[in-house]
Amino acid sequence: MQKGIQWYTLAMAAFFTVAVLASYSDKTDPVSNGVNHTLPQIIKPVNLDREFSFAGEPVPMDNFDVRERLDRELLSNTYWQSNTILNIKGTYRYFPLMEKILKENGVPDDFKYLAVAESSLRNAVSGAGARGIWQFMPNTAKGYGLEVNDDIDERYHVEKATEAFCRYIKDYKKRFGTWTNAAGAYNMGGTKMAKEIAVQRVKNYYDLNLNSETSRYVFRLIAFKAILEDPRNFGFYLDDKDGYAPIDNYKTVEVKDAVANWGDFAAEHGTTYRMLKVYNPWLISEKLTNKEKKAYSVKIPK
């Protein structure tokens, strides 16, 4: 009798073990009976059967190489969800200002997407020395009228840097003939762009065989344009309240003298050092020497 019970117990244990393993296997199998149990998402390709353009210039979608290069950037940014949703949030803060300045300077609205590609709409710092939303190098910034020294770096001044960008990209448009070429030159540099055009005997960005980064660059701009113009079409559902609000609740104080310590200055004006720097990221030091007695408009949060 005891032996029979032991055999019965072992048999039941084996049965339940097999049942559990079978259940576990079924649930972890990526596809079981045609049903996906482990990845509750739908992954679809991006629809390329439509017209695409950049700065009013059409993308030659009848070229398979062009289609595949654009497909790569659309997929990369559609399914890089965290970065893309942060970019969408950032557009609420910066795009209205950029759109205004671009329009006033005769630069196509689509160039606001270049700021997304360059810095994800943040005051980024590159290993090569580029700074700010538009990623200016120091000499280029100075050449287009931005102040860059130990106390001030106007590459972080979004209004002034956007004005400088407009002058810069218009120079490239004049030099290379199209806005698309100008965008490519912005990424790789005018000298290198001119050399590649001369060597390859073609003048169209889409026909040029460029370095990996520049070869992807304009397609990245077009992808950002497609996604940010219609986020819900790419699976991103945000309400206006989810976006980062423009930083426009401030008053300005004109500073013409040296400032020994911005912390003291902030306290005198009812704010903190941190918030002073948030509103004025171009103030890169703890002080302002201002030997030339220049006038600076400093934003003070209300």
Protein backbone atom coordinates (compact mmCIF):
# COMPACT_ATOMS: atom_id res chain seq x y z
CA MET A 1 0.00 0.00 0.00
CA GLN A 2 2.78 2.42 1.01
CA LYS A 3 4.68 1.61 -2.17
CA GLY A 4 1.56 2.27 -4.26
CA ILE A 5 1.10 5.67 -2.63
CA GLN A 6 4.74 6.55 -3.36
CA TRP A 7 4.34 5.64 -7.02
CA TYR A 8 1.10 7.64 -7.19
CA THR A 9 2.80 10.67 -5.61
CA LEU A 10 5.72 10.48 -8.02
CA ALA A 11 3.39 10.17 -10.99
CA MET A 12 1.34 13.19 -9.95
CA ALA A 13 4.50 15.24 -9.33
CA ALA A 14 5.79 14.34 -12.79
CA PHE A 15 2.44 15.24 -14.33
CA PHE A 16 2.32 18.67 -12.70
CA THR A 17 5.95 19.34 -13.61
CA VAL A 18 5.29 18.58 -17.27
CA ALA A 19 2.13 20.71 -17.16
CA VAL A 20 3.96 23.70 -15.66
CA LEU A 21 6.84 23.43 -18.10
CA ALA A 22 4.46 23.15 -21.02
CA SER A 23 2.54 26.19 -19.83
CA TYR A 24 5.75 28.17 -19.32
CA SER A 25 7.07 27.13 -22.72
CA ASP A 26 3.82 28.15 -24.37
CA LYS A 27 3.88 31.59 -22.77
CA THR A 28 7.51 32.30 -23.55
CA ASP A 29 7.38 31.08 -27.10
CA PRO A 30 7.37 34.29 -29.22
CA VAL A 31 4.62 32.81 -31.37
CA SER A 32 2.32 30.14 -29.96
CA ASN A 33 -0.69 29.13 -32.00
CA GLY A 34 -0.40 32.39 -33.89
CA VAL A 35 -0.69 34.51 -30.71
CA ASN A 36 2.17 36.61 -29.30
CA HIS A 37 2.18 36.25 -25.51
CA THR A 38 5.37 38.04 -24.52
CA LEU A 39 5.62 41.22 -26.62
CA PRO A 40 2.42 43.27 -26.31
CA GLN A 41 3.25 45.63 -29.17
CA ILE A 42 2.65 45.95 -32.87
CA ILE A 43 5.69 46.63 -35.03
CA LYS A 44 4.89 47.86 -38.51
CA PRO A 45 6.97 49.35 -41.31
CA VAL A 46 6.57 53.03 -42.12
CA ASN A 47 4.47 53.85 -45.16
CA LEU A 48 6.75 55.27 -47.86
CA ASP A 49 4.07 55.54 -50.53
CA ARG A 50 3.65 59.29 -50.26
CA GLU A 51 5.47 62.44 -51.24
CA PHE A 52 8.29 63.74 -49.08
CA SER A 53 10.06 67.08 -49.32
CA PHE A 54 12.54 69.25 -47.48
CA ALA A 55 12.42 73.06 -47.60
CA GLY A 56 10.08 72.87 -50.58
CA GLU A 57 12.43 70.60 -52.52
CA PRO A 58 11.01 67.14 -53.40
CA VAL A 59 12.69 63.92 -52.34
CA PRO A 60 13.22 61.59 -55.35
CA MET A 61 11.29 58.63 -53.96
CA ASP A 62 11.48 56.78 -57.29
CA ASN A 63 15.13 56.07 -56.47
CA PHE A 64 15.35 52.83 -54.44
CA ASP A 65 18.51 54.00 -52.69
CA VAL A 66 16.79 57.18 -51.54
CA ARG A 67 13.74 55.23 -50.34
CA GLU A 68 15.84 52.85 -48.28
CA ARG A 69 17.91 55.61 -46.72
CA LEU A 70 14.79 57.49 -45.71
CA ASP A 71 13.19 54.27 -44.48
CA ARG A 72 16.13 53.73 -42.13
CA GLU A 73 15.77 57.15 -40.49
CA LEU A 74 11.99 56.92 -40.21
CA LEU A 75 12.19 53.51 -38.54
CA SER A 76 15.11 54.48 -36.28
CA ASN A 77 13.29 57.51 -34.91
CA THR A 78 9.81 55.98 -34.82
CA TYR A 79 11.04 53.13 -32.64
CA TRP A 80 13.50 55.15 -30.56
CA GLN A 81 10.49 56.07 -28.48
CA SER A 82 12.07 57.80 -25.47
CA ASN A 83 14.19 60.18 -27.55
CA THR A 84 11.39 60.96 -29.99
CA ILE A 85 8.84 61.71 -27.30
CA LEU A 86 11.33 64.08 -25.64
CA ASN A 87 11.84 65.78 -29.00
CA ILE A 88 8.09 66.21 -29.36
CA LYS A 89 7.87 67.75 -25.90
CA GLY A 90 10.71 70.13 -26.76
CA THR A 91 8.97 71.42 -29.89
CA TYR A 92 6.35 73.13 -27.73
CA ARG A 93 9.06 75.24 -26.12
CA TYR A 94 11.28 76.10 -29.05
CA PHE A 95 9.42 75.77 -32.35
CA PRO A 96 7.20 78.87 -32.01
CA LEU A 97 10.28 81.06 -31.45
CA MET A 98 12.28 79.37 -34.21
CA GLU A 99 9.43 79.57 -36.71
CA LYS A 100 9.16 83.31 -36.12
CA ILE A 101 12.89 83.97 -36.56
CA LEU A 102 13.23 81.68 -39.60
CA LYS A 103 10.31 83.40 -41.30
CA GLU A 104 11.66 86.88 -40.57
CA ASN A 105 14.98 85.90 -42.13
CA GLY A 106 13.61 84.20 -45.24
CA VAL A 107 14.72 80.69 -44.25
CA PRO A 108 12.34 77.75 -44.89
CA ASP A 109 10.41 76.58 -41.85
CA ASP A 110 11.74 73.04 -42.28
CA PHE A 111 15.12 74.11 -40.92
CA LYS A 112 13.71 73.99 -37.42
CA TYR A 113 14.12 70.21 -37.75
CA LEU A 114 17.84 70.72 -38.16
CA ALA A 115 17.95 71.88 -34.54
CA VAL A 116 16.30 68.60 -33.56
CA ALA A 117 18.95 66.62 -35.43
CA GLU A 118 21.81 68.70 -34.06
CA SER A 119 20.91 68.80 -30.38
CA SER A 120 17.49 67.27 -29.71
CA LEU A 121 16.47 70.87 -28.88
CA ARG A 122 18.87 71.04 -25.96
CA ASN A 123 21.93 73.13 -25.23
CA ALA A 124 24.15 70.21 -26.10
CA VAL A 125 27.94 69.94 -25.96
CA SER A 126 29.86 67.88 -28.50
CA GLY A 127 33.26 66.30 -28.12
CA ALA A 128 34.49 68.39 -31.06
CA GLY A 129 33.66 71.65 -29.30
CA ALA A 130 30.27 72.49 -30.83
CA ARG A 131 27.77 74.04 -28.44
CA GLY A 132 24.14 75.01 -28.16
CA ILE A 133 20.92 74.09 -29.92
CA TRP A 134 22.45 74.76 -33.36
CA GLN A 135 25.84 73.23 -32.47
CA PHE A 136 28.10 76.06 -33.58
CA MET A 137 31.85 75.67 -33.42
CA PRO A 138 33.59 78.61 -31.68
CA ASN A 139 35.14 80.25 -34.75
CA THR A 140 31.98 79.88 -36.81
CA ALA A 141 29.92 81.37 -33.99
CA LYS A 142 32.22 84.38 -33.73
CA GLY A 143 32.22 84.77 -37.51
CA TYR A 144 28.43 85.11 -37.44
CA GLY A 145 28.36 87.64 -34.66
CA LEU A 146 28.01 85.54 -31.52
CA GLU A 147 30.06 86.38 -28.44
CA VAL A 148 32.12 83.49 -27.08
CA ASN A 149 34.52 84.02 -24.17
CA ASP A 150 35.10 82.90 -20.59
CA ASP A 151 31.98 84.63 -19.27
CA ILE A 152 29.57 84.65 -22.21
CA ASP A 153 28.72 82.00 -24.79
CA GLU A 154 25.91 83.14 -27.06
CA ARG A 155 25.78 79.76 -28.76
CA TYR A 156 23.51 79.01 -25.78
CA HIS A 157 21.39 82.12 -26.45
CA VAL A 158 18.56 80.60 -28.46
CA GLU A 159 17.34 83.85 -30.05
CA LYS A 160 20.77 85.13 -31.07
CA ALA A 161 22.01 81.69 -32.12
CA THR A 162 18.94 81.17 -34.33
CA GLU A 163 19.54 84.56 -35.99
CA ALA A 164 23.16 83.54 -36.61
CA PHE A 165 22.04 80.18 -37.99
CA CYS A 166 19.81 81.94 -40.52
CA ARG A 167 22.73 83.97 -41.85
CA TYR A 168 24.92 80.88 -41.95
CA ILE A 169 22.50 78.59 -43.80
CA LYS A 170 21.63 81.31 -46.32
CA ASP A 171 25.32 81.62 -47.15
CA TYR A 172 25.43 77.86 -47.82
CA LYS A 173 22.28 78.07 -49.95
CA LYS A 174 23.92 80.79 -52.06
CA ARG A 175 27.09 78.72 -52.36
CA PHE A 176 25.58 75.29 -53.13
CA GLY A 177 22.37 76.18 -54.93
CA THR A 178 19.71 74.26 -53.00
CA TRP A 179 18.47 74.16 -49.43
CA THR A 180 19.04 70.41 -49.37
CA ASN A 181 22.69 70.86 -50.31
CA ALA A 182 22.97 73.64 -47.73
CA ALA A 183 21.74 71.26 -45.02
CA GLY A 184 24.30 68.64 -46.07
CA ALA A 185 27.06 71.26 -46.04
CA TYR A 186 26.01 72.37 -42.56
CA ASN A 187 26.72 68.85 -41.36
CA MET A 188 30.01 68.13 -43.12
CA GLY A 189 31.38 71.63 -43.71
CA GLY A 190 31.43 73.75 -46.83
CA THR A 191 35.00 72.95 -47.86
CA LYS A 192 34.42 69.20 -47.77
CA MET A 193 31.09 69.52 -49.54
CA ALA A 194 32.63 71.55 -52.34
CA LYS A 195 35.42 69.00 -52.72
CA GLU A 196 32.98 66.07 -53.00
CA ILE A 197 30.88 67.90 -55.59
CA ALA A 198 33.99 68.60 -57.65
CA VAL A 199 35.33 65.04 -57.43
CA GLN A 200 32.04 63.24 -58.05
CA ARG A 201 30.83 65.55 -60.85
CA VAL A 202 27.31 65.81 -59.41
CA LYS A 203 25.60 68.68 -57.60
CA ASN A 204 22.57 67.00 -56.02
CA TYR A 205 22.81 65.83 -52.38
CA TYR A 206 20.83 62.67 -53.17
CA ASP A 207 23.36 61.68 -55.85
CA LEU A 208 26.47 62.32 -53.75
CA ASN A 209 28.37 59.49 -52.08
CA LEU A 210 29.23 61.12 -48.75
CA ASN A 211 30.51 60.01 -45.36
CA SER A 212 28.11 57.92 -43.29
CA GLU A 213 26.95 60.76 -41.05
CA THR A 214 26.26 63.28 -43.81
CA SER A 215 24.75 60.59 -46.04
CA ARG A 216 22.12 60.04 -43.34
CA TYR A 217 21.77 63.66 -42.23
CA VAL A 218 19.17 65.14 -44.58
CA PHE A 219 17.11 61.94 -44.38
CA ARG A 220 17.12 62.36 -40.62
CA LEU A 221 15.73 65.89 -41.05
CA ILE A 222 13.00 64.58 -43.33
CA ALA A 223 12.17 61.82 -40.85
CA PHE A 224 11.91 64.33 -38.01
CA LYS A 225 9.66 66.48 -40.15
CA ALA A 226 7.32 63.58 -40.94
CA ILE A 227 7.10 62.39 -37.33
CA LEU A 228 6.87 65.77 -35.61
CA GLU A 229 4.28 67.13 -38.04
CA ASP A 230 1.95 64.21 -37.29
CA PRO A 231 3.11 62.33 -34.17
CA ARG A 232 -0.08 60.28 -33.83
CA ASN A 233 0.43 58.80 -37.26
CA PHE A 234 3.62 57.29 -35.83
CA GLY A 235 2.09 56.15 -32.54
CA PHE A 236 2.96 59.12 -30.30
CA TYR A 237 -0.04 60.45 -28.40
CA LEU A 238 0.62 63.68 -26.52
CA ASP A 239 -1.74 66.42 -25.46
CA ASP A 240 -0.66 70.06 -25.42
CA LYS A 241 -0.30 69.90 -21.64
CA ASP A 242 2.39 67.22 -22.07
CA GLY A 243 4.72 69.53 -23.98
CA TYR A 244 7.38 71.70 -22.35
CA ALA A 245 6.00 75.21 -22.05
CA PRO A 246 7.92 78.14 -23.59
CA ILE A 247 10.10 80.00 -21.11
CA ASP A 248 8.43 83.36 -21.54
CA ASN A 249 7.38 84.39 -18.02
CA TYR A 250 10.21 86.80 -17.34
CA LYS A 251 11.24 90.43 -17.16
CA THR A 252 14.56 91.76 -18.44
CA VAL A 253 17.20 93.68 -16.58
CA GLU A 254 19.89 95.55 -18.50
CA VAL A 255 23.38 94.92 -17.17
CA LYS A 256 26.10 97.36 -18.24
CA ASP A 257 28.69 96.84 -15.53
CA ALA A 258 30.67 93.93 -14.14
CA VAL A 259 28.88 91.41 -11.94
CA ALA A 260 31.07 90.00 -9.18
CA ASN A 261 28.79 87.04 -8.47
CA TRP A 262 25.65 85.94 -10.30
CA GLY A 263 24.41 84.26 -7.11
CA ASP A 264 24.29 87.64 -5.35
CA PHE A 265 22.72 89.20 -8.46
CA ALA A 266 20.03 86.50 -8.52
CA ALA A 267 19.20 86.97 -4.83
CA GLU A 268 18.95 90.74 -5.31
CA HIS A 269 16.38 90.17 -8.04
CA GLY A 270 14.30 87.62 -6.16
CA THR A 271 15.44 84.44 -7.87
CA THR A 272 18.13 81.76 -7.56
CA TYR A 273 21.43 81.12 -9.31
CA ARG A 274 19.94 77.97 -10.82
CA MET A 275 16.90 79.70 -12.29
CA LEU A 276 19.02 82.60 -13.55
CA LYS A 277 21.08 80.09 -15.52
CA VAL A 278 17.97 78.24 -16.76
CA TYR A 279 16.63 81.50 -18.20
CA ASN A 280 20.06 82.69 -19.37
CA PRO A 281 22.19 79.63 -20.24
CA TRP A 282 24.56 81.90 -22.19
CA LEU A 283 25.91 83.18 -18.85
CA ILE A 284 28.52 80.45 -18.49
CA SER A 285 30.58 81.82 -15.59
CA GLU A 286 29.77 82.66 -12.00
CA LYS A 287 30.62 86.29 -12.80
CA LEU A 288 30.69 88.88 -15.58
CA THR A 289 33.92 90.78 -16.14
CA ASN A 290 32.50 93.10 -18.83
CA LYS A 291 35.61 95.23 -19.32
CA GLU A 292 34.09 96.77 -22.44
CA LYS A 293 30.99 97.92 -20.55
CA LYS A 294 28.64 96.19 -23.01
CA ALA A 295 24.91 96.10 -22.36
CA TYR A 296 23.36 92.67 -21.74
CA SER A 297 19.67 91.90 -21.38
CA VAL A 298 19.34 89.37 -18.59
CA LYS A 299 16.05 87.52 -18.12
CA ILE A 300 14.64 87.39 -14.60
CA PRO A 301 11.86 84.85 -13.97
CA LYS A 302 8.64 86.37 -12.67
